[in-house]
Amino acid sequence: MVDGIKVYDKFYDMITEHIPASKFNTKLMKGGSIKVNVADEEVYRMMTNIILEGRYAWHSYEYKHTRPIRVMARNLHHS
């Protein structure tokens, strides 16, 4: 999620200079935010470098394959 984008075309052009458009998808959200989905980890790293160089405010969610699995067990005896 990239926040505070005023001119979408400028942002999109900056990304497509380094990454082919087939490797990522963008979706405009409310409040000037853009949701960016990437194809793989390599493209993710390239995208974060571009966003950091542009000094945009952004945040990312955990990658499904790297986050820990959480399990809850119920009705087990205390011993």
N, C-alpha and C. Protein backbone atom coordinates (compact mmCIF):
# COMPACT_ATOMS: atom_id res chain seq x y z
N MET A 1 0.85 -1.16 0.00
CA MET A 1 0.00 0.00 0.00
C MET A 1 0.90 1.24 0.00
N VAL A 2 0.70 2.07 -0.97
CA VAL A 2 1.46 3.31 -1.08
C VAL A 2 0.48 4.46 -0.87
N ASP A 3 0.81 5.35 0.05
CA ASP A 3 -0.09 6.44 0.42
C ASP A 3 0.39 7.78 -0.14
N GLY A 4 -0.56 8.70 -0.29
CA GLY A 4 -0.23 10.08 -0.64
C GLY A 4 0.16 10.29 -2.09
N ILE A 5 -0.31 9.47 -2.99
CA ILE A 5 0.00 9.64 -4.41
C ILE A 5 -0.94 10.70 -4.99
N LYS A 6 -0.38 11.77 -5.50
CA LYS A 6 -1.19 12.84 -6.07
C LYS A 6 -1.39 12.66 -7.57
N VAL A 7 -0.34 12.21 -8.26
CA VAL A 7 -0.41 12.00 -9.72
C VAL A 7 -0.10 10.52 -10.00
N TYR A 8 -1.14 9.76 -10.28
CA TYR A 8 -0.99 8.32 -10.48
C TYR A 8 -0.12 8.01 -11.70
N ASP A 9 -0.31 8.72 -12.79
CA ASP A 9 0.45 8.45 -14.02
C ASP A 9 1.95 8.59 -13.81
N LYS A 10 2.36 9.59 -13.06
CA LYS A 10 3.78 9.79 -12.77
C LYS A 10 4.34 8.62 -11.96
N PHE A 11 3.58 8.18 -10.96
CA PHE A 11 3.99 7.05 -10.13
C PHE A 11 4.09 5.78 -10.97
N TYR A 12 3.08 5.52 -11.80
CA TYR A 12 3.05 4.32 -12.63
C TYR A 12 4.21 4.32 -13.63
N ASP A 13 4.47 5.45 -14.25
CA ASP A 13 5.58 5.56 -15.20
C ASP A 13 6.92 5.31 -14.53
N MET A 14 7.08 5.79 -13.29
CA MET A 14 8.32 5.59 -12.56
C MET A 14 8.55 4.10 -12.30
N ILE A 15 7.49 3.37 -11.98
CA ILE A 15 7.62 1.94 -11.72
C ILE A 15 7.92 1.18 -13.01
N THR A 16 7.20 1.49 -14.08
CA THR A 16 7.37 0.73 -15.33
C THR A 16 8.71 0.99 -16.02
N GLU A 17 9.45 1.99 -15.57
CA GLU A 17 10.81 2.18 -16.09
C GLU A 17 11.71 1.04 -15.67
N HIS A 18 11.43 0.43 -14.50
CA HIS A 18 12.29 -0.60 -13.92
C HIS A 18 11.65 -1.99 -13.94
N ILE A 19 10.33 -2.06 -13.88
CA ILE A 19 9.62 -3.34 -13.78
C ILE A 19 8.59 -3.43 -14.90
N PRO A 20 8.55 -4.56 -15.63
CA PRO A 20 7.51 -4.71 -16.67
C PRO A 20 6.11 -4.70 -16.05
N ALA A 21 5.17 -4.13 -16.76
CA ALA A 21 3.80 -4.01 -16.25
C ALA A 21 3.14 -5.36 -16.03
N SER A 22 3.61 -6.40 -16.67
CA SER A 22 3.03 -7.73 -16.50
C SER A 22 3.41 -8.37 -15.17
N LYS A 23 4.38 -7.79 -14.46
CA LYS A 23 4.86 -8.35 -13.19
C LYS A 23 4.17 -7.78 -11.96
N PHE A 24 3.30 -6.78 -12.14
CA PHE A 24 2.60 -6.20 -10.98
C PHE A 24 1.24 -5.67 -11.40
N ASN A 25 0.36 -5.51 -10.40
CA ASN A 25 -0.97 -4.92 -10.60
C ASN A 25 -1.14 -3.79 -9.61
N THR A 26 -1.85 -2.76 -10.02
CA THR A 26 -2.16 -1.66 -9.10
C THR A 26 -3.66 -1.47 -9.05
N LYS A 27 -4.12 -0.98 -7.90
CA LYS A 27 -5.53 -0.68 -7.71
C LYS A 27 -5.63 0.61 -6.92
N LEU A 28 -6.40 1.56 -7.44
CA LEU A 28 -6.59 2.83 -6.75
C LEU A 28 -7.56 2.64 -5.59
N MET A 29 -7.19 3.14 -4.43
CA MET A 29 -8.01 3.03 -3.23
C MET A 29 -8.44 4.44 -2.81
N LYS A 30 -9.29 4.51 -1.82
CA LYS A 30 -9.75 5.81 -1.32
C LYS A 30 -8.61 6.56 -0.65
N GLY A 31 -8.69 7.88 -0.68
CA GLY A 31 -7.72 8.71 0.03
C GLY A 31 -6.38 8.83 -0.66
N GLY A 32 -6.29 8.54 -1.93
CA GLY A 32 -5.02 8.69 -2.63
C GLY A 32 -4.05 7.56 -2.42
N SER A 33 -4.52 6.42 -1.91
CA SER A 33 -3.65 5.26 -1.73
C SER A 33 -3.72 4.35 -2.94
N ILE A 34 -2.65 3.61 -3.15
CA ILE A 34 -2.59 2.65 -4.25
C ILE A 34 -2.17 1.31 -3.68
N LYS A 35 -2.93 0.28 -4.02
CA LYS A 35 -2.59 -1.08 -3.62
C LYS A 35 -1.79 -1.70 -4.76
N VAL A 36 -0.61 -2.19 -4.44
CA VAL A 36 0.27 -2.77 -5.45
C VAL A 36 0.47 -4.25 -5.12
N ASN A 37 0.14 -5.13 -6.05
CA ASN A 37 0.38 -6.57 -5.92
C ASN A 37 1.47 -6.96 -6.91
N VAL A 38 2.44 -7.71 -6.42
CA VAL A 38 3.57 -8.10 -7.27
C VAL A 38 3.55 -9.61 -7.51
N ALA A 39 4.29 -10.05 -8.53
CA ALA A 39 4.26 -11.45 -8.95
C ALA A 39 5.11 -12.35 -8.06
N ASP A 40 6.28 -11.88 -7.62
CA ASP A 40 7.16 -12.74 -6.83
C ASP A 40 8.05 -11.89 -5.93
N GLU A 41 8.93 -12.56 -5.20
CA GLU A 41 9.79 -11.88 -4.23
C GLU A 41 10.79 -10.94 -4.88
N GLU A 42 11.32 -11.33 -6.02
CA GLU A 42 12.29 -10.48 -6.71
C GLU A 42 11.66 -9.15 -7.11
N VAL A 43 10.45 -9.21 -7.63
CA VAL A 43 9.74 -7.99 -8.03
C VAL A 43 9.39 -7.17 -6.79
N TYR A 44 9.06 -7.86 -5.69
CA TYR A 44 8.76 -7.17 -4.43
C TYR A 44 9.96 -6.35 -3.97
N ARG A 45 11.14 -6.94 -4.03
CA ARG A 45 12.35 -6.23 -3.60
C ARG A 45 12.64 -5.03 -4.52
N MET A 46 12.44 -5.21 -5.81
CA MET A 46 12.64 -4.10 -6.74
C MET A 46 11.63 -2.99 -6.47
N MET A 47 10.38 -3.37 -6.21
CA MET A 47 9.32 -2.40 -5.94
C MET A 47 9.62 -1.61 -4.67
N THR A 48 10.05 -2.29 -3.61
CA THR A 48 10.35 -1.57 -2.36
C THR A 48 11.51 -0.60 -2.55
N ASN A 49 12.51 -0.97 -3.34
CA ASN A 49 13.62 -0.06 -3.61
C ASN A 49 13.14 1.18 -4.36
N ILE A 50 12.26 1.01 -5.33
CA ILE A 50 11.73 2.14 -6.09
C ILE A 50 10.92 3.06 -5.19
N ILE A 51 10.09 2.47 -4.34
CA ILE A 51 9.24 3.27 -3.44
C ILE A 51 10.09 4.01 -2.42
N LEU A 52 11.13 3.36 -1.89
CA LEU A 52 12.01 4.02 -0.93
C LEU A 52 12.78 5.16 -1.57
N GLU A 53 13.26 4.97 -2.80
CA GLU A 53 13.98 6.03 -3.50
C GLU A 53 13.08 7.22 -3.79
N GLY A 54 11.79 6.96 -4.05
CA GLY A 54 10.84 8.03 -4.30
C GLY A 54 10.34 8.70 -3.03
N ARG A 55 10.71 8.15 -1.88
CA ARG A 55 10.34 8.68 -0.56
C ARG A 55 8.83 8.77 -0.37
N TYR A 56 8.14 7.71 -0.79
CA TYR A 56 6.70 7.62 -0.60
C TYR A 56 6.41 6.96 0.75
N ALA A 57 5.28 7.32 1.34
CA ALA A 57 4.83 6.65 2.56
C ALA A 57 4.17 5.34 2.13
N TRP A 58 4.57 4.23 2.75
CA TRP A 58 4.02 2.94 2.34
C TRP A 58 4.07 1.96 3.48
N HIS A 59 3.32 0.88 3.35
CA HIS A 59 3.41 -0.24 4.28
C HIS A 59 3.11 -1.52 3.53
N SER A 60 3.52 -2.63 4.12
CA SER A 60 3.37 -3.92 3.47
C SER A 60 2.82 -4.92 4.47
N TYR A 61 2.11 -5.90 3.96
CA TYR A 61 1.61 -6.98 4.79
C TYR A 61 2.57 -8.15 4.71
N GLU A 62 2.50 -9.05 5.70
CA GLU A 62 3.40 -10.20 5.72
C GLU A 62 3.11 -11.13 4.55
N TYR A 63 4.17 -11.69 4.01
CA TYR A 63 4.06 -12.67 2.94
C TYR A 63 3.52 -13.97 3.53
N LYS A 64 2.53 -14.57 2.92
CA LYS A 64 1.87 -15.75 3.47
C LYS A 64 2.82 -16.90 3.75
N HIS A 65 3.82 -17.08 2.92
CA HIS A 65 4.71 -18.23 3.06
C HIS A 65 5.78 -18.04 4.13
N THR A 66 6.02 -16.82 4.57
CA THR A 66 7.06 -16.60 5.57
C THR A 66 6.52 -16.32 6.96
N ARG A 67 5.25 -16.03 7.10
CA ARG A 67 4.72 -15.76 8.43
C ARG A 67 4.52 -17.07 9.18
N PRO A 68 4.67 -17.04 10.51
CA PRO A 68 4.54 -18.26 11.30
C PRO A 68 3.10 -18.78 11.32
N ILE A 69 2.98 -20.09 11.47
CA ILE A 69 1.66 -20.71 11.56
C ILE A 69 1.23 -20.68 13.03
N ARG A 70 0.01 -20.26 13.25
CA ARG A 70 -0.53 -20.20 14.61
C ARG A 70 -1.62 -21.25 14.75
N VAL A 71 -1.51 -22.04 15.83
CA VAL A 71 -2.45 -23.12 16.07
C VAL A 71 -2.98 -22.99 17.48
N MET A 72 -4.27 -23.24 17.64
CA MET A 72 -4.88 -23.21 18.97
C MET A 72 -5.48 -24.59 19.24
N ALA A 73 -5.17 -25.15 20.39
CA ALA A 73 -5.73 -26.45 20.79
C ALA A 73 -6.71 -26.23 21.92
N ARG A 74 -7.88 -26.81 21.82
CA ARG A 74 -8.91 -26.67 22.84
C ARG A 74 -9.24 -28.01 23.48
N ASN A 75 -9.80 -27.93 24.67
CA ASN A 75 -10.27 -29.10 25.42
C ASN A 75 -9.17 -30.13 25.67
N LEU A 76 -7.96 -29.67 25.95
CA LEU A 76 -6.88 -30.57 26.32
C LEU A 76 -6.77 -30.62 27.83
N HIS A 77 -6.41 -31.77 28.35
CA HIS A 77 -6.19 -31.92 29.78
C HIS A 77 -4.93 -31.16 30.17
N HIS A 78 -4.93 -30.54 31.34
CA HIS A 78 -3.82 -29.67 31.75
C HIS A 78 -2.50 -30.42 31.91
N SER A 79 -2.52 -31.74 32.04
CA SER A 79 -1.27 -32.48 32.20
C SER A 79 -0.67 -32.75 30.83
